[in-house]
């Protein structure tokens, strides 16, 4: 396919047009023949979250807290969310239901971010923890959005053209770009707490906390300006995966329960969202440093 077809409408001029170009790199590769690593991980973690909801009969702790003091019929909503997560996760893995499942998951994740996380940001924007909470869910949403954009059915293509295809991938990548700094900055604002999460056997806790925070911010800039975007997104996904395994998995092994399983699954979900974004750059040269060089495909 002609690489120029992936570029956005030239109604945009100046810097916005350049950024739109950068975020559209290789986004024309739609309807992939098989599920990518990120797609599979996102599906599996949604299945895990659904099972967790049924087993523990509760929302996903602070990540899914309902901002209502006494929610009527709370268990109904708990199990409804669990059923939806489980169903969409399974549906993503079945080729015949991938399209409808990705659409439902896309809407679900949007509601999760807008209804459960955005109000706290609006109410107390000076608290970085609120931005962190929104950013983590937004990364998952970015991944779910790309899956939806690449597997959208006829109805979605007709009624939601801005959210699917090249346009959808571009907006999802932009959301990823805007989300990462909220995660990276939390490592600086809460340096003591972040360093405390690092296992005792790893030296230089404070240094690693700063480095990983800076890594997320650097990835945001790299993806935004198409400077090695595939490499940057892949390294970010790998970093989030390593953090998940080193910080949260030991707790699941040592004391399995809601308090350890939930953060492990949510961290895995964030990493999965990043893997989906990274996978959307398949075919882009690893060391592409501009829009033109990014289209020199590597064959992988």
C-alpha atoms as a PDB file:
ATOM      1  CA  UNK A   1       0.000   0.000   0.000  1.00  0.00           C
ATOM      2  CA  UNK A   2       1.246   3.503  -0.769  1.00  0.00           C
ATOM      3  CA  UNK A   3       2.580   4.963   2.454  1.00  0.00           C
ATOM      4  CA  UNK A   4       1.107   8.345   1.585  1.00  0.00           C
ATOM      5  CA  UNK A   5      -2.398   6.930   2.041  1.00  0.00           C
ATOM      6  CA  UNK A   6      -1.754   6.739   5.760  1.00  0.00           C
ATOM      7  CA  UNK A   7      -1.294  10.459   6.058  1.00  0.00           C
ATOM      8  CA  UNK A   8      -4.106  12.698   7.321  1.00  0.00           C
ATOM      9  CA  UNK A   9      -6.062  15.192   5.325  1.00  0.00           C
ATOM     10  CA  UNK A  10      -3.967  18.170   4.321  1.00  0.00           C
ATOM     11  CA  UNK A  11      -6.629  20.559   5.617  1.00  0.00           C
ATOM     12  CA  UNK A  12      -4.277  20.794   8.579  1.00  0.00           C
ATOM     13  CA  UNK A  13      -1.348  23.173   8.127  1.00  0.00           C
ATOM     14  CA  UNK A  14       1.863  23.927   9.977  1.00  0.00           C
ATOM     15  CA  UNK A  15       2.817  22.103  13.210  1.00  0.00           C
ATOM     16  CA  UNK A  16      -0.607  20.415  13.624  1.00  0.00           C
ATOM     17  CA  UNK A  17      -0.213  18.852  10.184  1.00  0.00           C
ATOM     18  CA  UNK A  18       3.296  17.629  10.994  1.00  0.00           C
ATOM     19  CA  UNK A  19       2.146  16.086  14.275  1.00  0.00           C
ATOM     20  CA  UNK A  20      -0.836  14.485  12.533  1.00  0.00           C
ATOM     21  CA  UNK A  21       1.577  13.009  10.001  1.00  0.00           C
ATOM     22  CA  UNK A  22       3.834  11.713  12.770  1.00  0.00           C
ATOM     23  CA  UNK A  23       0.959  10.060  14.605  1.00  0.00           C
ATOM     24  CA  UNK A  24      -0.381   8.495  11.401  1.00  0.00           C
ATOM     25  CA  UNK A  25       2.755   6.532  10.533  1.00  0.00           C
ATOM     26  CA  UNK A  26       1.789   3.093   9.233  1.00  0.00           C
ATOM     27  CA  UNK A  27      -1.752   3.445  10.611  1.00  0.00           C
ATOM     28  CA  UNK A  28      -3.109   2.391   7.220  1.00  0.00           C
ATOM     29  CA  UNK A  29      -2.243  -1.247   7.986  1.00  0.00           C
ATOM     30  CA  UNK A  30      -5.746  -2.173   9.069  1.00  0.00           C
ATOM     31  CA  UNK A  31      -7.542  -5.474   9.546  1.00  0.00           C
ATOM     32  CA  UNK A  32      -4.373  -7.445  10.397  1.00  0.00           C
ATOM     33  CA  UNK A  33      -4.579 -11.160   9.510  1.00  0.00           C
ATOM     34  CA  UNK A  34      -3.983 -12.257  13.079  1.00  0.00           C
ATOM     35  CA  UNK A  35      -4.075 -10.943  16.621  1.00  0.00           C
ATOM     36  CA  UNK A  36      -0.908  -9.148  17.718  1.00  0.00           C
ATOM     37  CA  UNK A  37       0.858  -9.770  21.023  1.00  0.00           C
ATOM     38  CA  UNK A  38      -0.752  -6.676  22.488  1.00  0.00           C
ATOM     39  CA  UNK A  39      -4.226  -7.719  21.320  1.00  0.00           C
ATOM     40  CA  UNK A  40      -3.865 -11.126  22.975  1.00  0.00           C
ATOM     41  CA  UNK A  41      -2.478  -9.661  26.210  1.00  0.00           C
ATOM     42  CA  UNK A  42      -5.308  -7.123  26.390  1.00  0.00           C
ATOM     43  CA  UNK A  43      -7.867  -9.881  25.824  1.00  0.00           C
ATOM     44  CA  UNK A  44      -6.321 -12.105  28.497  1.00  0.00           C
ATOM     45  CA  UNK A  45      -6.113  -9.348  31.077  1.00  0.00           C
ATOM     46  CA  UNK A  46      -9.772  -8.425  30.491  1.00  0.00           C
ATOM     47  CA  UNK A  47     -10.644 -12.064  31.083  1.00  0.00           C
ATOM     48  CA  UNK A  48      -8.565 -11.940  34.256  1.00  0.00           C
ATOM     49  CA  UNK A  49     -10.313  -8.779  35.460  1.00  0.00           C
ATOM     50  CA  UNK A  50     -13.698 -10.342  34.784  1.00  0.00           C
ATOM     51  CA  UNK A  51     -12.842 -13.478  36.765  1.00  0.00           C
ATOM     52  CA  UNK A  52     -11.415 -11.310  39.568  1.00  0.00           C
ATOM     53  CA  UNK A  53     -14.706  -9.402  39.776  1.00  0.00           C
ATOM     54  CA  UNK A  54     -16.742 -12.595  40.127  1.00  0.00           C
ATOM     55  CA  UNK A  55     -14.359 -14.154  42.651  1.00  0.00           C
ATOM     56  CA  UNK A  56     -14.003 -11.160  44.966  1.00  0.00           C
ATOM     57  CA  UNK A  57     -17.354  -9.456  44.303  1.00  0.00           C
ATOM     58  CA  UNK A  58     -15.827  -6.000  44.201  1.00  0.00           C
ATOM     59  CA  UNK A  59     -14.632  -3.336  41.811  1.00  0.00           C
ATOM     60  CA  UNK A  60     -10.944  -3.121  40.934  1.00  0.00           C
ATOM     61  CA  UNK A  61      -9.935  -1.137  44.034  1.00  0.00           C
ATOM     62  CA  UNK A  62      -8.842   2.495  43.426  1.00  0.00           C
ATOM     63  CA  UNK A  63      -8.637   1.923  39.673  1.00  0.00           C
ATOM     64  CA  UNK A  64     -12.377   1.284  39.389  1.00  0.00           C
ATOM     65  CA  UNK A  65     -13.773   3.088  42.388  1.00  0.00           C
ATOM     66  CA  UNK A  66     -17.292   4.449  41.832  1.00  0.00           C
ATOM     67  CA  UNK A  67     -17.510   8.112  42.986  1.00  0.00           C
ATOM     68  CA  UNK A  68     -20.818   7.469  44.758  1.00  0.00           C
ATOM     69  CA  UNK A  69     -20.809   7.025  48.537  1.00  0.00           C
ATOM     70  CA  UNK A  70     -23.622   4.497  48.717  1.00  0.00           C
ATOM     71  CA  UNK A  71     -24.188   3.076  45.253  1.00  0.00           C
ATOM     72  CA  UNK A  72     -27.596   1.355  45.007  1.00  0.00           C
ATOM     73  CA  UNK A  73     -27.399  -2.241  43.826  1.00  0.00           C
ATOM     74  CA  UNK A  74     -23.598  -2.136  43.974  1.00  0.00           C
ATOM     75  CA  UNK A  75     -23.199  -5.891  43.516  1.00  0.00           C
ATOM     76  CA  UNK A  76     -25.231  -5.708  40.322  1.00  0.00           C
ATOM     77  CA  UNK A  77     -22.794  -3.199  38.850  1.00  0.00           C
ATOM     78  CA  UNK A  78     -19.802  -5.190  40.114  1.00  0.00           C
ATOM     79  CA  UNK A  79     -20.975  -8.350  38.381  1.00  0.00           C
ATOM     80  CA  UNK A  80     -22.137  -6.436  35.294  1.00  0.00           C
ATOM     81  CA  UNK A  81     -18.646  -4.977  34.866  1.00  0.00           C
ATOM     82  CA  UNK A  82     -17.077  -8.382  35.509  1.00  0.00           C
ATOM     83  CA  UNK A  83     -19.346 -10.040  32.947  1.00  0.00           C
ATOM     84  CA  UNK A  84     -18.596  -7.379  30.354  1.00  0.00           C
ATOM     85  CA  UNK A  85     -14.839  -7.642  30.924  1.00  0.00           C
ATOM     86  CA  UNK A  86     -14.951 -11.428  30.708  1.00  0.00           C
ATOM     87  CA  UNK A  87     -17.181 -11.471  27.618  1.00  0.00           C
ATOM     88  CA  UNK A  88     -15.201  -8.870  25.682  1.00  0.00           C
ATOM     89  CA  UNK A  89     -11.921 -10.547  26.581  1.00  0.00           C
ATOM     90  CA  UNK A  90     -13.121 -13.875  25.246  1.00  0.00           C
ATOM     91  CA  UNK A  91     -14.749 -12.183  22.270  1.00  0.00           C
ATOM     92  CA  UNK A  92     -11.480 -10.554  21.211  1.00  0.00           C
ATOM     93  CA  UNK A  93      -9.883 -13.990  20.915  1.00  0.00           C
ATOM     94  CA  UNK A  94     -12.637 -15.333  18.645  1.00  0.00           C
ATOM     95  CA  UNK A  95     -12.258 -14.040  15.090  1.00  0.00           C
ATOM     96  CA  UNK A  96     -16.010 -13.914  14.374  1.00  0.00           C
ATOM     97  CA  UNK A  97     -16.677 -11.749  17.440  1.00  0.00           C
ATOM     98  CA  UNK A  98     -13.535  -9.587  17.458  1.00  0.00           C
ATOM     99  CA  UNK A  99     -15.277  -6.651  15.777  1.00  0.00           C
ATOM    100  CA  UNK A 100     -18.279  -6.387  18.099  1.00  0.00           C
ATOM    101  CA  UNK A 101     -16.192  -7.204  21.175  1.00  0.00           C
ATOM    102  CA  UNK A 102     -13.630  -4.506  20.398  1.00  0.00           C
ATOM    103  CA  UNK A 103     -16.459  -1.994  19.894  1.00  0.00           C
ATOM    104  CA  UNK A 104     -18.047  -2.828  23.242  1.00  0.00           C
ATOM    105  CA  UNK A 105     -14.688  -2.752  25.008  1.00  0.00           C
ATOM    106  CA  UNK A 106     -13.888   0.614  23.424  1.00  0.00           C
ATOM    107  CA  UNK A 107     -17.110   2.132  24.790  1.00  0.00           C
ATOM    108  CA  UNK A 108     -16.594   0.482  28.185  1.00  0.00           C
ATOM    109  CA  UNK A 109     -13.064   1.839  28.548  1.00  0.00           C
ATOM    110  CA  UNK A 110     -14.196   5.310  27.485  1.00  0.00           C
ATOM    111  CA  UNK A 111     -16.881   5.286  30.181  1.00  0.00           C
ATOM    112  CA  UNK A 112     -14.342   3.986  32.704  1.00  0.00           C
ATOM    113  CA  UNK A 113     -11.951   6.855  31.973  1.00  0.00           C
ATOM    114  CA  UNK A 114     -14.540   9.625  31.653  1.00  0.00           C
ATOM    115  CA  UNK A 115     -16.947   8.676  34.453  1.00  0.00           C
ATOM    116  CA  UNK A 116     -14.595   7.212  37.045  1.00  0.00           C
ATOM    117  CA  UNK A 117     -11.280   9.017  36.533  1.00  0.00           C
ATOM    118  CA  UNK A 118     -11.853  12.347  34.810  1.00  0.00           C
ATOM    119  CA  UNK A 119     -14.089  13.839  37.563  1.00  0.00           C
ATOM    120  CA  UNK A 120     -11.249  13.603  40.102  1.00  0.00           C
ATOM    121  CA  UNK A 121      -8.901  15.384  37.685  1.00  0.00           C
ATOM    122  CA  UNK A 122     -11.436  18.170  37.165  1.00  0.00           C
ATOM    123  CA  UNK A 123     -12.207  18.475  40.882  1.00  0.00           C
ATOM    124  CA  UNK A 124      -8.571  18.469  42.071  1.00  0.00           C
ATOM    125  CA  UNK A 125      -6.219  19.072  39.131  1.00  0.00           C
ATOM    126  CA  UNK A 126      -3.392  20.033  41.500  1.00  0.00           C
ATOM    127  CA  UNK A 127      -3.156  16.448  42.790  1.00  0.00           C
ATOM    128  CA  UNK A 128      -0.861  14.426  40.533  1.00  0.00           C
ATOM    129  CA  UNK A 129      -2.300  11.150  41.840  1.00  0.00           C
ATOM    130  CA  UNK A 130      -5.574  11.985  40.086  1.00  0.00           C
ATOM    131  CA  UNK A 131      -3.717  12.494  36.804  1.00  0.00           C
ATOM    132  CA  UNK A 132      -1.870   9.226  37.357  1.00  0.00           C
ATOM    133  CA  UNK A 133      -5.135   7.346  37.869  1.00  0.00           C
ATOM    134  CA  UNK A 134      -6.585   8.827  34.699  1.00  0.00           C
ATOM    135  CA  UNK A 135      -3.368   8.232  32.748  1.00  0.00           C
ATOM    136  CA  UNK A 136      -3.203   4.530  33.575  1.00  0.00           C
ATOM    137  CA  UNK A 137      -6.755   3.933  32.368  1.00  0.00           C
ATOM    138  CA  UNK A 138      -6.142   6.151  29.339  1.00  0.00           C
ATOM    139  CA  UNK A 139      -3.210   3.960  28.253  1.00  0.00           C
ATOM    140  CA  UNK A 140      -5.496   0.922  28.428  1.00  0.00           C
ATOM    141  CA  UNK A 141      -8.104   2.879  26.470  1.00  0.00           C
ATOM    142  CA  UNK A 142      -5.502   3.800  23.833  1.00  0.00           C
ATOM    143  CA  UNK A 143      -4.788   0.117  23.329  1.00  0.00           C
ATOM    144  CA  UNK A 144      -8.460  -0.811  23.226  1.00  0.00           C
ATOM    145  CA  UNK A 145      -9.106   2.029  20.775  1.00  0.00           C
ATOM    146  CA  UNK A 146      -6.457   0.755  18.355  1.00  0.00           C
ATOM    147  CA  UNK A 147      -7.882  -2.773  18.497  1.00  0.00           C
ATOM    148  CA  UNK A 148     -11.305  -1.309  17.720  1.00  0.00           C
ATOM    149  CA  UNK A 149      -9.949   0.940  14.946  1.00  0.00           C
ATOM    150  CA  UNK A 150      -8.244  -1.991  13.241  1.00  0.00           C
ATOM    151  CA  UNK A 151     -11.121  -4.464  13.556  1.00  0.00           C
ATOM    152  CA  UNK A 152     -14.131  -2.158  13.181  1.00  0.00           C
ATOM    153  CA  UNK A 153     -17.162  -3.534  11.365  1.00  0.00           C
ATOM    154  CA  UNK A 154     -19.324  -1.868   8.721  1.00  0.00           C
ATOM    155  CA  UNK A 155     -21.600  -0.087  11.193  1.00  0.00           C
ATOM    156  CA  UNK A 156     -18.697   1.521  13.025  1.00  0.00           C
ATOM    157  CA  UNK A 157     -16.980   2.526   9.793  1.00  0.00           C
ATOM    158  CA  UNK A 158     -20.174   4.229   8.627  1.00  0.00           C
ATOM    159  CA  UNK A 159     -21.253   5.881  11.884  1.00  0.00           C
ATOM    160  CA  UNK A 160     -17.921   6.450  13.666  1.00  0.00           C
ATOM    161  CA  UNK A 161     -15.425   7.273  10.901  1.00  0.00           C
ATOM    162  CA  UNK A 162     -13.360   9.485  13.239  1.00  0.00           C
ATOM    163  CA  UNK A 163     -12.818   6.601  15.663  1.00  0.00           C
ATOM    164  CA  UNK A 164     -11.822   3.848  13.239  1.00  0.00           C
ATOM    165  CA  UNK A 165      -9.260   3.260  10.529  1.00  0.00           C
ATOM    166  CA  UNK A 166      -6.328   5.628  10.138  1.00  0.00           C
ATOM    167  CA  UNK A 167      -8.076   8.391  12.059  1.00  0.00           C
ATOM    168  CA  UNK A 168      -8.844   6.140  15.011  1.00  0.00           C
ATOM    169  CA  UNK A 169      -5.276   4.870  15.276  1.00  0.00           C
ATOM    170  CA  UNK A 170      -3.973   8.436  15.112  1.00  0.00           C
ATOM    171  CA  UNK A 171      -6.250   9.645  17.913  1.00  0.00           C
ATOM    172  CA  UNK A 172      -5.449   6.589  20.031  1.00  0.00           C
ATOM    173  CA  UNK A 173      -1.739   7.261  19.677  1.00  0.00           C
ATOM    174  CA  UNK A 174      -2.347  10.889  20.652  1.00  0.00           C
ATOM    175  CA  UNK A 175      -4.177   9.718  23.768  1.00  0.00           C
ATOM    176  CA  UNK A 176      -1.190   7.474  24.538  1.00  0.00           C
ATOM    177  CA  UNK A 177       1.124  10.460  24.102  1.00  0.00           C
ATOM    178  CA  UNK A 178      -0.955  12.595  26.491  1.00  0.00           C
ATOM    179  CA  UNK A 179      -1.250   9.802  29.064  1.00  0.00           C
ATOM    180  CA  UNK A 180       2.398   8.841  29.510  1.00  0.00           C
ATOM    181  CA  UNK A 181       3.570  12.117  31.115  1.00  0.00           C
ATOM    182  CA  UNK A 182       0.975  11.713  33.867  1.00  0.00           C
ATOM    183  CA  UNK A 183       2.549   8.340  34.695  1.00  0.00           C
ATOM    184  CA  UNK A 184       6.124   9.559  34.307  1.00  0.00           C
ATOM    185  CA  UNK A 185       5.618  12.683  36.437  1.00  0.00           C
ATOM    186  CA  UNK A 186       4.210  10.603  39.301  1.00  0.00           C
ATOM    187  CA  UNK A 187       7.662   9.016  39.676  1.00  0.00           C
ATOM    188  CA  UNK A 188       9.087  12.478  40.367  1.00  0.00           C
ATOM    189  CA  UNK A 189       6.249  13.839  42.509  1.00  0.00           C
ATOM    190  CA  UNK A 190       6.026  10.665  44.586  1.00  0.00           C
ATOM    191  CA  UNK A 191       9.687   9.673  44.406  1.00  0.00           C
ATOM    192  CA  UNK A 192       9.770   8.192  47.928  1.00  0.00           C
ATOM    193  CA  UNK A 193       6.695   6.030  47.340  1.00  0.00           C
ATOM    194  CA  UNK A 194       7.874   4.975  43.872  1.00  0.00           C
ATOM    195  CA  UNK A 195      11.317   3.993  45.138  1.00  0.00           C
ATOM    196  CA  UNK A 196       9.654   2.028  47.936  1.00  0.00           C
ATOM    197  CA  UNK A 197       7.928  -0.248  45.412  1.00  0.00           C
ATOM    198  CA  UNK A 198      11.248  -1.411  43.953  1.00  0.00           C
ATOM    199  CA  UNK A 199      12.372  -4.808  45.331  1.00  0.00           C
ATOM    200  CA  UNK A 200      15.033  -4.593  48.051  1.00  0.00           C
ATOM    201  CA  UNK A 201      17.526  -6.698  46.098  1.00  0.00           C
ATOM    202  CA  UNK A 202      17.726  -4.111  43.319  1.00  0.00           C
ATOM    203  CA  UNK A 203      20.242  -1.335  44.134  1.00  0.00           C
ATOM    204  CA  UNK A 204      19.702   2.349  43.418  1.00  0.00           C
ATOM    205  CA  UNK A 205      15.977   2.626  44.108  1.00  0.00           C
ATOM    206  CA  UNK A 206      15.763   6.391  43.671  1.00  0.00           C
ATOM    207  CA  UNK A 207      17.780   6.279  40.450  1.00  0.00           C
ATOM    208  CA  UNK A 208      15.510   3.638  38.938  1.00  0.00           C
ATOM    209  CA  UNK A 209      12.417   5.606  39.982  1.00  0.00           C
ATOM    210  CA  UNK A 210      13.690   8.708  38.199  1.00  0.00           C
ATOM    211  CA  UNK A 211      14.859   6.739  35.163  1.00  0.00           C
ATOM    212  CA  UNK A 212      11.549   4.956  34.596  1.00  0.00           C
ATOM    213  CA  UNK A 213       9.622   8.205  35.037  1.00  0.00           C
ATOM    214  CA  UNK A 214      11.865   9.954  32.538  1.00  0.00           C
ATOM    215  CA  UNK A 215      11.457   6.976  30.193  1.00  0.00           C
ATOM    216  CA  UNK A 216       7.694   7.414  30.020  1.00  0.00           C
ATOM    217  CA  UNK A 217       8.026  11.127  29.298  1.00  0.00           C
ATOM    218  CA  UNK A 218      10.680  10.472  26.636  1.00  0.00           C
ATOM    219  CA  UNK A 219       8.430   7.864  24.995  1.00  0.00           C
ATOM    220  CA  UNK A 220       5.611  10.391  24.836  1.00  0.00           C
ATOM    221  CA  UNK A 221       7.822  12.844  22.967  1.00  0.00           C
ATOM    222  CA  UNK A 222       9.267  10.164  20.693  1.00  0.00           C
ATOM    223  CA  UNK A 223       5.831   8.960  19.595  1.00  0.00           C
ATOM    224  CA  UNK A 224       4.495  12.504  19.215  1.00  0.00           C
ATOM    225  CA  UNK A 225       7.315  13.593  16.907  1.00  0.00           C
ATOM    226  CA  UNK A 226       7.915  10.205  15.239  1.00  0.00           C
ATOM    227  CA  UNK A 227      11.475   9.844  16.517  1.00  0.00           C
ATOM    228  CA  UNK A 228      12.020   6.084  16.629  1.00  0.00           C
ATOM    229  CA  UNK A 229       8.323   5.654  17.581  1.00  0.00           C
ATOM    230  CA  UNK A 230       8.255   1.885  17.192  1.00  0.00           C
ATOM    231  CA  UNK A 231      11.340   1.424  19.356  1.00  0.00           C
ATOM    232  CA  UNK A 232      10.137   3.945  21.940  1.00  0.00           C
ATOM    233  CA  UNK A 233       6.657   2.425  22.283  1.00  0.00           C
ATOM    234  CA  UNK A 234       8.100  -1.085  22.465  1.00  0.00           C
ATOM    235  CA  UNK A 235      10.586  -0.107  25.179  1.00  0.00           C
ATOM    236  CA  UNK A 236       7.795   1.597  27.142  1.00  0.00           C
ATOM    237  CA  UNK A 237       5.635  -1.530  26.915  1.00  0.00           C
ATOM    238  CA  UNK A 238       8.584  -3.706  27.954  1.00  0.00           C
ATOM    239  CA  UNK A 239       9.369  -1.385  30.880  1.00  0.00           C
ATOM    240  CA  UNK A 240       5.777  -1.461  32.130  1.00  0.00           C
ATOM    241  CA  UNK A 241       5.818  -5.264  31.816  1.00  0.00           C
ATOM    242  CA  UNK A 242       9.041  -5.559  33.832  1.00  0.00           C
ATOM    243  CA  UNK A 243       7.597  -3.254  36.505  1.00  0.00           C
ATOM    244  CA  UNK A 244       4.516  -5.460  36.647  1.00  0.00           C
ATOM    245  CA  UNK A 245       6.587  -8.612  37.088  1.00  0.00           C
ATOM    246  CA  UNK A 246       9.041  -7.170  39.615  1.00  0.00           C
ATOM    247  CA  UNK A 247       6.694  -5.044  41.705  1.00  0.00           C
ATOM    248  CA  UNK A 248       3.295  -6.728  41.625  1.00  0.00           C
ATOM    249  CA  UNK A 249       3.771 -10.423  40.774  1.00  0.00           C
ATOM    250  CA  UNK A 250       5.707 -11.272  43.977  1.00  0.00           C
ATOM    251  CA  UNK A 251       2.716 -10.153  46.049  1.00  0.00           C
ATOM    252  CA  UNK A 252       0.379 -12.426  44.100  1.00  0.00           C
ATOM    253  CA  UNK A 253       2.710 -15.361  44.727  1.00  0.00           C
ATOM    254  CA  UNK A 254       3.322 -14.585  48.406  1.00  0.00           C
ATOM    255  CA  UNK A 255      -0.187 -13.573  49.492  1.00  0.00           C
ATOM    256  CA  UNK A 256      -2.754 -14.230  46.754  1.00  0.00           C
ATOM    257  CA  UNK A 257      -5.923 -12.222  47.270  1.00  0.00           C
ATOM    258  CA  UNK A 258      -7.832  -9.193  46.080  1.00  0.00           C
ATOM    259  CA  UNK A 259      -5.255  -6.738  47.441  1.00  0.00           C
ATOM    260  CA  UNK A 260      -2.446  -8.338  45.421  1.00  0.00           C
ATOM    261  CA  UNK A 261      -4.279  -9.693  42.377  1.00  0.00           C
ATOM    262  CA  UNK A 262      -6.018  -6.411  41.535  1.00  0.00           C
ATOM    263  CA  UNK A 263      -2.894  -4.206  41.249  1.00  0.00           C
ATOM    264  CA  UNK A 264      -1.136  -6.968  39.308  1.00  0.00           C
ATOM    265  CA  UNK A 265      -3.972  -7.181  36.784  1.00  0.00           C
ATOM    266  CA  UNK A 266      -4.313  -3.410  36.459  1.00  0.00           C
ATOM    267  CA  UNK A 267      -0.579  -3.004  35.921  1.00  0.00           C
ATOM    268  CA  UNK A 268      -0.741  -5.791  33.357  1.00  0.00           C
ATOM    269  CA  UNK A 269      -3.645  -4.027  31.645  1.00  0.00           C
ATOM    270  CA  UNK A 270      -1.644  -0.799  31.384  1.00  0.00           C
ATOM    271  CA  UNK A 271       1.324  -2.691  29.943  1.00  0.00           C
ATOM    272  CA  UNK A 272      -1.015  -4.460  27.504  1.00  0.00           C
ATOM    273  CA  UNK A 273      -2.370  -1.137  26.274  1.00  0.00           C
ATOM    274  CA  UNK A 274       1.189  -0.009  25.606  1.00  0.00           C
ATOM    275  CA  UNK A 275       1.936  -3.261  23.730  1.00  0.00           C
ATOM    276  CA  UNK A 276      -1.064  -2.671  21.451  1.00  0.00           C
ATOM    277  CA  UNK A 277       0.225   0.813  20.643  1.00  0.00           C
ATOM    278  CA  UNK A 278       3.700  -0.586  19.961  1.00  0.00           C
ATOM    279  CA  UNK A 279       2.235  -3.297  17.722  1.00  0.00           C
ATOM    280  CA  UNK A 280       0.450  -0.639  15.667  1.00  0.00           C
ATOM    281  CA  UNK A 281       3.889   0.348  14.356  1.00  0.00           C
ATOM    282  CA  UNK A 282       4.631  -3.054  12.874  1.00  0.00           C
ATOM    283  CA  UNK A 283       6.396  -2.545   9.566  1.00  0.00           C
ATOM    284  CA  UNK A 284       7.927   0.775  10.615  1.00  0.00           C
ATOM    285  CA  UNK A 285      11.738   0.889  10.714  1.00  0.00           C
ATOM    286  CA  UNK A 286      13.008   0.543  14.293  1.00  0.00           C
ATOM    287  CA  UNK A 287      15.221   3.603  13.985  1.00  0.00           C
ATOM    288  CA  UNK A 288      12.910   5.752  11.867  1.00  0.00           C
ATOM    289  CA  UNK A 289      13.514   9.369  12.856  1.00  0.00           C
ATOM    290  CA  UNK A 290      11.082  11.172  10.520  1.00  0.00           C
ATOM    291  CA  UNK A 291       7.856  10.647   8.652  1.00  0.00           C
ATOM    292  CA  UNK A 292       9.668   9.723   5.450  1.00  0.00           C
ATOM    293  CA  UNK A 293      12.166   7.322   7.011  1.00  0.00           C
ATOM    294  CA  UNK A 294       9.442   5.645   9.042  1.00  0.00           C
ATOM    295  CA  UNK A 295       7.972   4.233   5.866  1.00  0.00           C
ATOM    296  CA  UNK A 296      11.087   2.251   5.051  1.00  0.00           C
ATOM    297  CA  UNK A 297       9.620  -1.008   6.314  1.00  0.00           C
ATOM    298  CA  UNK A 298      11.755  -3.591   8.033  1.00  0.00           C
ATOM    299  CA  UNK A 299       9.748  -6.572   6.868  1.00  0.00           C
ATOM    300  CA  UNK A 300       8.709  -7.502  10.414  1.00  0.00           C
END
